[in-house]
């Protein structure tokens, strides 16, 4: 099942190098049966001005969200989405996107919740691909093959995800990481466009910028740097860890770093994040 892993030496430093691919590997594999490339951008229109050949577009907000429940889509909707994108259950899916793969990693996290067997990230994403002036395409496959995708089991919301009711009971014994910038964390500002009533952070959370694990070219930093950055915050790899931000995207990026680059076992995303916590009645916050 799936396609052989990228053997590039620079990936071997990470705990799970099979979760990453390089530009060179992907460029050589494009068009291989069983490989599906998915572009997920903050700005979905970027796909129209050029994308990796054979890539399909996934709109994270429209395609992955249930706007009635403010939740992720259910299993039936996910199956329909996979059929629309032409993705089969045994396909290797490589995600990439803008903003250093921010929403591409979020999409990978969602696919993990639904148990897709083989999902990977293009290290550096759209930024690195374009910087190397690699081949792009403007073609859009309007009628991909319907695969009859079937989710093997119910979406797993426990292993990699946490809801607010459980989080409220987990201050003792868990460590929380706030991936917003320091001004948001300290309660000095609220970013425009986010309907949040209170500013600050979840009590006990430490602050870590989401881009601390990224180089300027959007690729992941060497493992020694990532390890030392987390050690400076006295984070313990053996403790249950929860990551949050404003809407879940930066938290999913940190989840990817901890789970697959550093190899931590117990990491979950609180995707309700500050939009939920900052607006809830009778939950505590801290500032400064």
C-alpha atoms as a PDB file:
ATOM      1  CA  UNK A   1       0.000   0.000   0.000  1.00  0.00           C
ATOM      2  CA  UNK A   2       1.253   3.467  -0.834  1.00  0.00           C
ATOM      3  CA  UNK A   3       4.426   4.618  -2.543  1.00  0.00           C
ATOM      4  CA  UNK A   4       7.971   4.101  -1.283  1.00  0.00           C
ATOM      5  CA  UNK A   5       9.252   6.722   1.128  1.00  0.00           C
ATOM      6  CA  UNK A   6      11.526   9.607   0.194  1.00  0.00           C
ATOM      7  CA  UNK A   7      15.098   8.432   1.007  1.00  0.00           C
ATOM      8  CA  UNK A   8      16.596  11.952   1.004  1.00  0.00           C
ATOM      9  CA  UNK A   9      19.352  12.190   3.654  1.00  0.00           C
ATOM     10  CA  UNK A  10      18.121  15.519   5.094  1.00  0.00           C
ATOM     11  CA  UNK A  11      14.867  13.874   6.184  1.00  0.00           C
ATOM     12  CA  UNK A  12      16.509  11.103   8.190  1.00  0.00           C
ATOM     13  CA  UNK A  13      17.203  13.418  11.134  1.00  0.00           C
ATOM     14  CA  UNK A  14      13.496  13.483  12.034  1.00  0.00           C
ATOM     15  CA  UNK A  15      11.668  10.860  14.105  1.00  0.00           C
ATOM     16  CA  UNK A  16       9.274   9.965  11.273  1.00  0.00           C
ATOM     17  CA  UNK A  17      10.957  10.938   7.979  1.00  0.00           C
ATOM     18  CA  UNK A  18       8.256   9.027   6.084  1.00  0.00           C
ATOM     19  CA  UNK A  19       5.887  11.948   6.794  1.00  0.00           C
ATOM     20  CA  UNK A  20       7.928  14.340   4.627  1.00  0.00           C
ATOM     21  CA  UNK A  21       8.886  14.517   0.966  1.00  0.00           C
ATOM     22  CA  UNK A  22      11.275  16.806  -0.876  1.00  0.00           C
ATOM     23  CA  UNK A  23      10.838  18.764  -4.087  1.00  0.00           C
ATOM     24  CA  UNK A  24      13.214  16.417  -5.897  1.00  0.00           C
ATOM     25  CA  UNK A  25      11.343  13.286  -4.809  1.00  0.00           C
ATOM     26  CA  UNK A  26       7.917  14.684  -5.647  1.00  0.00           C
ATOM     27  CA  UNK A  27       9.054  16.056  -8.995  1.00  0.00           C
ATOM     28  CA  UNK A  28      10.312  12.602  -9.965  1.00  0.00           C
ATOM     29  CA  UNK A  29       7.122  10.863  -8.783  1.00  0.00           C
ATOM     30  CA  UNK A  30       4.471  13.121 -10.346  1.00  0.00           C
ATOM     31  CA  UNK A  31       1.998  11.080 -12.360  1.00  0.00           C
ATOM     32  CA  UNK A  32       2.769   7.835 -10.542  1.00  0.00           C
ATOM     33  CA  UNK A  33      -0.392   5.743 -10.035  1.00  0.00           C
ATOM     34  CA  UNK A  34      -1.422   5.828  -6.400  1.00  0.00           C
ATOM     35  CA  UNK A  35       0.059   9.279  -5.745  1.00  0.00           C
ATOM     36  CA  UNK A  36      -2.317  12.181  -5.131  1.00  0.00           C
ATOM     37  CA  UNK A  37      -1.016  15.719  -4.661  1.00  0.00           C
ATOM     38  CA  UNK A  38      -3.316  18.133  -2.828  1.00  0.00           C
ATOM     39  CA  UNK A  39      -2.852  21.911  -2.612  1.00  0.00           C
ATOM     40  CA  UNK A  40      -4.380  23.604   0.447  1.00  0.00           C
ATOM     41  CA  UNK A  41      -3.883  27.378   0.659  1.00  0.00           C
ATOM     42  CA  UNK A  42      -5.010  30.176   2.912  1.00  0.00           C
ATOM     43  CA  UNK A  43      -5.793  31.932  -0.363  1.00  0.00           C
ATOM     44  CA  UNK A  44      -7.479  29.309  -2.543  1.00  0.00           C
ATOM     45  CA  UNK A  45      -7.095  31.498  -5.655  1.00  0.00           C
ATOM     46  CA  UNK A  46      -3.354  30.791  -5.717  1.00  0.00           C
ATOM     47  CA  UNK A  47      -4.141  27.418  -7.260  1.00  0.00           C
ATOM     48  CA  UNK A  48      -5.518  29.192 -10.351  1.00  0.00           C
ATOM     49  CA  UNK A  49      -2.302  31.089 -11.042  1.00  0.00           C
ATOM     50  CA  UNK A  50      -0.214  27.944 -11.127  1.00  0.00           C
ATOM     51  CA  UNK A  51       0.061  24.721  -9.138  1.00  0.00           C
ATOM     52  CA  UNK A  52       2.146  21.567  -9.028  1.00  0.00           C
ATOM     53  CA  UNK A  53       1.213  19.371 -12.019  1.00  0.00           C
ATOM     54  CA  UNK A  54      -1.521  16.800 -11.219  1.00  0.00           C
ATOM     55  CA  UNK A  55      -2.400  18.592  -7.946  1.00  0.00           C
ATOM     56  CA  UNK A  56      -6.040  19.013  -6.930  1.00  0.00           C
ATOM     57  CA  UNK A  57      -7.344  21.888  -4.834  1.00  0.00           C
ATOM     58  CA  UNK A  58      -8.825  21.454  -1.359  1.00  0.00           C
ATOM     59  CA  UNK A  59     -10.422  24.490   0.297  1.00  0.00           C
ATOM     60  CA  UNK A  60      -9.870  23.963   4.011  1.00  0.00           C
ATOM     61  CA  UNK A  61     -12.781  26.109   5.188  1.00  0.00           C
ATOM     62  CA  UNK A  62     -15.379  25.025   2.644  1.00  0.00           C
ATOM     63  CA  UNK A  63     -14.370  21.383   2.274  1.00  0.00           C
ATOM     64  CA  UNK A  64     -13.373  20.341   5.804  1.00  0.00           C
ATOM     65  CA  UNK A  65     -15.783  22.342   7.978  1.00  0.00           C
ATOM     66  CA  UNK A  66     -19.360  21.724   9.073  1.00  0.00           C
ATOM     67  CA  UNK A  67     -20.652  25.266   9.358  1.00  0.00           C
ATOM     68  CA  UNK A  68     -23.839  24.304  11.175  1.00  0.00           C
ATOM     69  CA  UNK A  69     -22.103  22.543  14.067  1.00  0.00           C
ATOM     70  CA  UNK A  70     -18.826  24.472  13.869  1.00  0.00           C
ATOM     71  CA  UNK A  71     -16.986  21.192  13.659  1.00  0.00           C
ATOM     72  CA  UNK A  72     -15.195  19.099  11.094  1.00  0.00           C
ATOM     73  CA  UNK A  73     -17.227  17.331   8.455  1.00  0.00           C
ATOM     74  CA  UNK A  74     -18.513  13.837   9.256  1.00  0.00           C
ATOM     75  CA  UNK A  75     -17.500  10.520   7.735  1.00  0.00           C
ATOM     76  CA  UNK A  76     -20.098  10.585   4.948  1.00  0.00           C
ATOM     77  CA  UNK A  77     -19.067  14.075   3.875  1.00  0.00           C
ATOM     78  CA  UNK A  78     -15.403  13.085   3.986  1.00  0.00           C
ATOM     79  CA  UNK A  79     -16.090  10.105   1.735  1.00  0.00           C
ATOM     80  CA  UNK A  80     -17.898  12.353  -0.752  1.00  0.00           C
ATOM     81  CA  UNK A  81     -14.991  14.815  -0.674  1.00  0.00           C
ATOM     82  CA  UNK A  82     -12.503  12.048  -1.420  1.00  0.00           C
ATOM     83  CA  UNK A  83     -14.615  10.896  -4.352  1.00  0.00           C
ATOM     84  CA  UNK A  84     -14.809  14.465  -5.657  1.00  0.00           C
ATOM     85  CA  UNK A  85     -11.025  14.802  -5.433  1.00  0.00           C
ATOM     86  CA  UNK A  86     -10.411  11.359  -6.905  1.00  0.00           C
ATOM     87  CA  UNK A  87      -8.581  10.047  -3.831  1.00  0.00           C
ATOM     88  CA  UNK A  88      -8.690   6.319  -3.089  1.00  0.00           C
ATOM     89  CA  UNK A  89      -8.242   4.795   0.344  1.00  0.00           C
ATOM     90  CA  UNK A  90      -4.862   3.271  -0.552  1.00  0.00           C
ATOM     91  CA  UNK A  91      -3.454   6.403  -2.261  1.00  0.00           C
ATOM     92  CA  UNK A  92      -0.399   8.192  -0.934  1.00  0.00           C
ATOM     93  CA  UNK A  93      -1.541  11.786  -0.391  1.00  0.00           C
ATOM     94  CA  UNK A  94       1.063  14.577  -0.408  1.00  0.00           C
ATOM     95  CA  UNK A  95      -0.142  17.950   0.862  1.00  0.00           C
ATOM     96  CA  UNK A  96       1.392  21.344   0.196  1.00  0.00           C
ATOM     97  CA  UNK A  97       0.298  24.970   0.365  1.00  0.00           C
ATOM     98  CA  UNK A  98       1.129  28.591   1.029  1.00  0.00           C
ATOM     99  CA  UNK A  99       2.063  30.217   4.363  1.00  0.00           C
ATOM    100  CA  UNK A 100       4.694  27.547   5.048  1.00  0.00           C
ATOM    101  CA  UNK A 101       2.161  24.740   4.633  1.00  0.00           C
ATOM    102  CA  UNK A 102      -0.019  26.116   7.445  1.00  0.00           C
ATOM    103  CA  UNK A 103      -3.378  24.887   6.152  1.00  0.00           C
ATOM    104  CA  UNK A 104      -1.825  21.949   4.316  1.00  0.00           C
ATOM    105  CA  UNK A 105      -0.673  20.535   7.664  1.00  0.00           C
ATOM    106  CA  UNK A 106      -4.126  21.239   9.084  1.00  0.00           C
ATOM    107  CA  UNK A 107      -5.637  19.186   6.245  1.00  0.00           C
ATOM    108  CA  UNK A 108      -3.165  16.375   6.922  1.00  0.00           C
ATOM    109  CA  UNK A 109      -4.262  16.426  10.581  1.00  0.00           C
ATOM    110  CA  UNK A 110      -7.902  16.046   9.486  1.00  0.00           C
ATOM    111  CA  UNK A 111      -6.987  13.130   7.200  1.00  0.00           C
ATOM    112  CA  UNK A 112      -5.235  11.508  10.166  1.00  0.00           C
ATOM    113  CA  UNK A 113      -8.433  11.843  12.203  1.00  0.00           C
ATOM    114  CA  UNK A 114     -10.254   9.924   9.490  1.00  0.00           C
ATOM    115  CA  UNK A 115      -7.521   7.294   9.436  1.00  0.00           C
ATOM    116  CA  UNK A 116      -6.187   7.742   5.915  1.00  0.00           C
ATOM    117  CA  UNK A 117      -3.216   5.352   5.885  1.00  0.00           C
ATOM    118  CA  UNK A 118      -0.541   7.380   4.066  1.00  0.00           C
ATOM    119  CA  UNK A 119      -0.377  11.175   4.299  1.00  0.00           C
ATOM    120  CA  UNK A 120       2.757  13.288   3.854  1.00  0.00           C
ATOM    121  CA  UNK A 121       3.841  16.929   3.627  1.00  0.00           C
ATOM    122  CA  UNK A 122       6.001  18.528   0.943  1.00  0.00           C
ATOM    123  CA  UNK A 123       8.765  20.139   3.000  1.00  0.00           C
ATOM    124  CA  UNK A 124       8.679  23.857   2.224  1.00  0.00           C
ATOM    125  CA  UNK A 125       5.318  23.659   0.482  1.00  0.00           C
ATOM    126  CA  UNK A 126       4.294  26.004  -2.289  1.00  0.00           C
ATOM    127  CA  UNK A 127       6.907  28.589  -1.298  1.00  0.00           C
ATOM    128  CA  UNK A 128       9.864  26.254  -1.758  1.00  0.00           C
ATOM    129  CA  UNK A 129       8.484  24.757  -4.983  1.00  0.00           C
ATOM    130  CA  UNK A 130       8.061  28.182  -6.552  1.00  0.00           C
ATOM    131  CA  UNK A 131      11.410  29.467  -5.279  1.00  0.00           C
ATOM    132  CA  UNK A 132      13.136  26.633  -7.120  1.00  0.00           C
ATOM    133  CA  UNK A 133      11.174  27.584 -10.271  1.00  0.00           C
ATOM    134  CA  UNK A 134       9.928  24.051 -10.699  1.00  0.00           C
ATOM    135  CA  UNK A 135       7.278  23.075 -13.222  1.00  0.00           C
ATOM    136  CA  UNK A 136       3.779  24.413 -12.666  1.00  0.00           C
ATOM    137  CA  UNK A 137       0.473  23.689 -14.342  1.00  0.00           C
ATOM    138  CA  UNK A 138      -2.789  25.539 -14.963  1.00  0.00           C
ATOM    139  CA  UNK A 139      -4.757  22.416 -15.850  1.00  0.00           C
ATOM    140  CA  UNK A 140      -7.739  21.448 -13.708  1.00  0.00           C
ATOM    141  CA  UNK A 141      -9.190  17.934 -13.713  1.00  0.00           C
ATOM    142  CA  UNK A 142     -12.908  18.638 -13.647  1.00  0.00           C
ATOM    143  CA  UNK A 143     -13.943  14.978 -13.479  1.00  0.00           C
ATOM    144  CA  UNK A 144     -11.505  12.873 -11.412  1.00  0.00           C
ATOM    145  CA  UNK A 145     -12.121   9.170 -11.048  1.00  0.00           C
ATOM    146  CA  UNK A 146     -14.742   8.293  -8.446  1.00  0.00           C
ATOM    147  CA  UNK A 147     -12.970   5.945  -6.063  1.00  0.00           C
ATOM    148  CA  UNK A 148     -15.766   4.711  -3.814  1.00  0.00           C
ATOM    149  CA  UNK A 149     -13.788   5.901  -0.801  1.00  0.00           C
ATOM    150  CA  UNK A 150     -14.901   4.334   2.488  1.00  0.00           C
ATOM    151  CA  UNK A 151     -13.830   5.523   5.939  1.00  0.00           C
ATOM    152  CA  UNK A 152     -12.679   2.416   7.821  1.00  0.00           C
ATOM    153  CA  UNK A 153     -14.017   3.571  11.197  1.00  0.00           C
ATOM    154  CA  UNK A 154     -15.595   6.594  12.839  1.00  0.00           C
ATOM    155  CA  UNK A 155     -13.458   9.715  12.924  1.00  0.00           C
ATOM    156  CA  UNK A 156     -10.980   9.396  15.790  1.00  0.00           C
ATOM    157  CA  UNK A 157     -11.389  12.529  17.887  1.00  0.00           C
ATOM    158  CA  UNK A 158      -9.462  11.231  20.888  1.00  0.00           C
ATOM    159  CA  UNK A 159      -5.913  10.410  19.826  1.00  0.00           C
ATOM    160  CA  UNK A 160      -5.002  13.698  18.116  1.00  0.00           C
ATOM    161  CA  UNK A 161      -7.787  16.069  19.173  1.00  0.00           C
ATOM    162  CA  UNK A 162      -9.205  17.453  22.422  1.00  0.00           C
ATOM    163  CA  UNK A 163     -12.459  19.306  23.157  1.00  0.00           C
ATOM    164  CA  UNK A 164     -12.975  22.084  25.653  1.00  0.00           C
ATOM    165  CA  UNK A 165     -14.880  20.006  28.214  1.00  0.00           C
ATOM    166  CA  UNK A 166     -11.978  17.588  28.543  1.00  0.00           C
ATOM    167  CA  UNK A 167      -9.373  20.347  28.418  1.00  0.00           C
ATOM    168  CA  UNK A 168     -10.966  22.076  31.405  1.00  0.00           C
ATOM    169  CA  UNK A 169     -10.177  19.000  33.511  1.00  0.00           C
ATOM    170  CA  UNK A 170      -6.609  18.536  32.267  1.00  0.00           C
ATOM    171  CA  UNK A 171      -4.684  21.463  33.728  1.00  0.00           C
ATOM    172  CA  UNK A 172      -2.993  19.103  36.177  1.00  0.00           C
ATOM    173  CA  UNK A 173      -0.557  16.705  34.544  1.00  0.00           C
ATOM    174  CA  UNK A 174      -0.741  18.177  31.050  1.00  0.00           C
ATOM    175  CA  UNK A 175       1.291  20.867  29.334  1.00  0.00           C
ATOM    176  CA  UNK A 176      -0.325  23.452  27.080  1.00  0.00           C
ATOM    177  CA  UNK A 177       1.383  25.275  24.220  1.00  0.00           C
ATOM    178  CA  UNK A 178      -0.061  28.533  22.878  1.00  0.00           C
ATOM    179  CA  UNK A 179       1.092  29.032  19.278  1.00  0.00           C
ATOM    180  CA  UNK A 180      -0.069  32.623  18.873  1.00  0.00           C
ATOM    181  CA  UNK A 181       2.290  35.597  18.879  1.00  0.00           C
ATOM    182  CA  UNK A 182       3.374  37.056  22.199  1.00  0.00           C
ATOM    183  CA  UNK A 183       1.051  40.082  21.975  1.00  0.00           C
ATOM    184  CA  UNK A 184      -1.975  37.801  21.710  1.00  0.00           C
ATOM    185  CA  UNK A 185      -0.662  35.480  24.408  1.00  0.00           C
ATOM    186  CA  UNK A 186      -0.019  38.327  26.843  1.00  0.00           C
ATOM    187  CA  UNK A 187      -3.440  39.811  26.219  1.00  0.00           C
ATOM    188  CA  UNK A 188      -2.147  43.026  24.664  1.00  0.00           C
ATOM    189  CA  UNK A 189      -4.012  42.681  21.350  1.00  0.00           C
ATOM    190  CA  UNK A 190      -6.727  40.701  19.607  1.00  0.00           C
ATOM    191  CA  UNK A 191      -6.139  40.112  15.917  1.00  0.00           C
ATOM    192  CA  UNK A 192      -8.657  41.875  13.646  1.00  0.00           C
ATOM    193  CA  UNK A 193     -11.307  39.615  12.174  1.00  0.00           C
ATOM    194  CA  UNK A 194     -11.539  37.273  15.150  1.00  0.00           C
ATOM    195  CA  UNK A 195     -14.753  37.703  17.204  1.00  0.00           C
ATOM    196  CA  UNK A 196     -13.116  37.241  20.616  1.00  0.00           C
ATOM    197  CA  UNK A 197     -14.419  38.883  23.786  1.00  0.00           C
ATOM    198  CA  UNK A 198     -11.403  38.350  26.075  1.00  0.00           C
ATOM    199  CA  UNK A 199      -7.683  38.387  25.419  1.00  0.00           C
ATOM    200  CA  UNK A 200      -4.965  36.427  27.195  1.00  0.00           C
ATOM    201  CA  UNK A 201      -4.169  32.704  27.339  1.00  0.00           C
ATOM    202  CA  UNK A 202      -5.283  29.441  28.906  1.00  0.00           C
ATOM    203  CA  UNK A 203      -3.883  29.233  32.464  1.00  0.00           C
ATOM    204  CA  UNK A 204      -0.534  27.460  32.575  1.00  0.00           C
ATOM    205  CA  UNK A 205       0.109  27.590  28.813  1.00  0.00           C
ATOM    206  CA  UNK A 206       3.572  28.441  27.544  1.00  0.00           C
ATOM    207  CA  UNK A 207       4.030  30.575  24.462  1.00  0.00           C
ATOM    208  CA  UNK A 208       5.846  29.391  21.335  1.00  0.00           C
ATOM    209  CA  UNK A 209       5.734  31.059  17.955  1.00  0.00           C
ATOM    210  CA  UNK A 210       4.449  28.658  15.307  1.00  0.00           C
ATOM    211  CA  UNK A 211       7.231  29.646  12.901  1.00  0.00           C
ATOM    212  CA  UNK A 212       9.984  28.813  15.414  1.00  0.00           C
ATOM    213  CA  UNK A 213      10.396  25.402  13.741  1.00  0.00           C
ATOM    214  CA  UNK A 214      10.616  26.849  10.217  1.00  0.00           C
ATOM    215  CA  UNK A 215      13.391  28.308   8.108  1.00  0.00           C
ATOM    216  CA  UNK A 216      12.940  31.429   5.990  1.00  0.00           C
ATOM    217  CA  UNK A 217      12.321  29.228   2.928  1.00  0.00           C
ATOM    218  CA  UNK A 218       9.400  27.535   4.758  1.00  0.00           C
ATOM    219  CA  UNK A 219      11.226  24.226   5.226  1.00  0.00           C
ATOM    220  CA  UNK A 220      11.557  22.697   8.670  1.00  0.00           C
ATOM    221  CA  UNK A 221      14.604  23.610  10.717  1.00  0.00           C
ATOM    222  CA  UNK A 222      17.211  21.003  11.667  1.00  0.00           C
ATOM    223  CA  UNK A 223      16.129  18.708  14.468  1.00  0.00           C
ATOM    224  CA  UNK A 224      18.739  20.043  16.915  1.00  0.00           C
ATOM    225  CA  UNK A 225      17.287  23.537  16.674  1.00  0.00           C
ATOM    226  CA  UNK A 226      13.711  22.315  17.091  1.00  0.00           C
ATOM    227  CA  UNK A 227      14.719  20.203  20.093  1.00  0.00           C
ATOM    228  CA  UNK A 228      16.524  23.071  21.821  1.00  0.00           C
ATOM    229  CA  UNK A 229      13.661  25.510  21.203  1.00  0.00           C
ATOM    230  CA  UNK A 230      11.244  23.208  22.997  1.00  0.00           C
ATOM    231  CA  UNK A 231      13.749  22.410  25.746  1.00  0.00           C
ATOM    232  CA  UNK A 232      14.094  26.121  26.525  1.00  0.00           C
ATOM    233  CA  UNK A 233      10.402  26.126  27.496  1.00  0.00           C
ATOM    234  CA  UNK A 234      11.005  23.130  29.783  1.00  0.00           C
ATOM    235  CA  UNK A 235       8.559  21.034  27.812  1.00  0.00           C
ATOM    236  CA  UNK A 236       8.603  17.339  28.653  1.00  0.00           C
ATOM    237  CA  UNK A 237       8.133  14.821  25.835  1.00  0.00           C
ATOM    238  CA  UNK A 238       6.686  12.261  28.254  1.00  0.00           C
ATOM    239  CA  UNK A 239       3.788  14.446  29.399  1.00  0.00           C
ATOM    240  CA  UNK A 240       0.400  14.765  27.647  1.00  0.00           C
ATOM    241  CA  UNK A 241       0.609  17.880  25.481  1.00  0.00           C
ATOM    242  CA  UNK A 242      -2.109  20.136  24.060  1.00  0.00           C
ATOM    243  CA  UNK A 243      -1.481  22.758  21.361  1.00  0.00           C
ATOM    244  CA  UNK A 244      -3.846  25.618  20.537  1.00  0.00           C
ATOM    245  CA  UNK A 245      -3.854  28.950  18.688  1.00  0.00           C
ATOM    246  CA  UNK A 246      -6.819  30.997  17.410  1.00  0.00           C
ATOM    247  CA  UNK A 247      -8.460  28.527  15.032  1.00  0.00           C
ATOM    248  CA  UNK A 248      -6.420  25.320  15.064  1.00  0.00           C
ATOM    249  CA  UNK A 249      -4.074  25.791  12.097  1.00  0.00           C
ATOM    250  CA  UNK A 250      -0.922  26.822  13.959  1.00  0.00           C
ATOM    251  CA  UNK A 251      -1.745  24.236  16.607  1.00  0.00           C
ATOM    252  CA  UNK A 252      -1.890  21.528  13.919  1.00  0.00           C
ATOM    253  CA  UNK A 253       1.530  22.647  12.668  1.00  0.00           C
ATOM    254  CA  UNK A 254       2.949  22.262  16.181  1.00  0.00           C
ATOM    255  CA  UNK A 255       1.235  18.877  16.513  1.00  0.00           C
ATOM    256  CA  UNK A 256       3.021  17.780  13.322  1.00  0.00           C
ATOM    257  CA  UNK A 257       6.370  19.014  14.647  1.00  0.00           C
ATOM    258  CA  UNK A 258       5.978  17.258  17.991  1.00  0.00           C
ATOM    259  CA  UNK A 259       4.516  14.001  16.666  1.00  0.00           C
ATOM    260  CA  UNK A 260       6.489  13.412  13.507  1.00  0.00           C
ATOM    261  CA  UNK A 261       9.685  15.463  13.750  1.00  0.00           C
ATOM    262  CA  UNK A 262      10.419  15.051  17.466  1.00  0.00           C
ATOM    263  CA  UNK A 263       8.550  11.784  17.943  1.00  0.00           C
ATOM    264  CA  UNK A 264       6.383  12.722  20.943  1.00  0.00           C
ATOM    265  CA  UNK A 265       3.576  10.234  21.533  1.00  0.00           C
ATOM    266  CA  UNK A 266       0.784  12.072  23.381  1.00  0.00           C
ATOM    267  CA  UNK A 267       0.013  15.311  21.517  1.00  0.00           C
ATOM    268  CA  UNK A 268      -3.445  16.683  20.782  1.00  0.00           C
ATOM    269  CA  UNK A 269      -4.833  19.744  19.035  1.00  0.00           C
ATOM    270  CA  UNK A 270      -7.432  21.925  20.732  1.00  0.00           C
ATOM    271  CA  UNK A 271      -8.904  23.274  17.505  1.00  0.00           C
ATOM    272  CA  UNK A 272     -11.646  25.193  19.298  1.00  0.00           C
ATOM    273  CA  UNK A 273      -8.638  27.246  20.392  1.00  0.00           C
ATOM    274  CA  UNK A 274      -8.858  30.848  21.565  1.00  0.00           C
ATOM    275  CA  UNK A 275     -11.905  31.663  19.446  1.00  0.00           C
ATOM    276  CA  UNK A 276     -13.788  29.247  21.676  1.00  0.00           C
ATOM    277  CA  UNK A 277     -11.958  29.691  25.000  1.00  0.00           C
ATOM    278  CA  UNK A 278     -11.873  33.478  24.803  1.00  0.00           C
ATOM    279  CA  UNK A 279     -15.634  33.639  24.285  1.00  0.00           C
ATOM    280  CA  UNK A 280     -16.763  31.071  26.861  1.00  0.00           C
ATOM    281  CA  UNK A 281     -18.490  31.900  30.104  1.00  0.00           C
ATOM    282  CA  UNK A 282     -16.925  30.781  33.388  1.00  0.00           C
ATOM    283  CA  UNK A 283     -13.539  29.650  32.148  1.00  0.00           C
ATOM    284  CA  UNK A 284     -10.352  31.275  33.488  1.00  0.00           C
ATOM    285  CA  UNK A 285      -7.735  33.183  31.542  1.00  0.00           C
ATOM    286  CA  UNK A 286      -4.308  34.582  32.327  1.00  0.00           C
ATOM    287  CA  UNK A 287      -2.554  37.683  30.998  1.00  0.00           C
ATOM    288  CA  UNK A 288       1.066  38.668  30.826  1.00  0.00           C
END
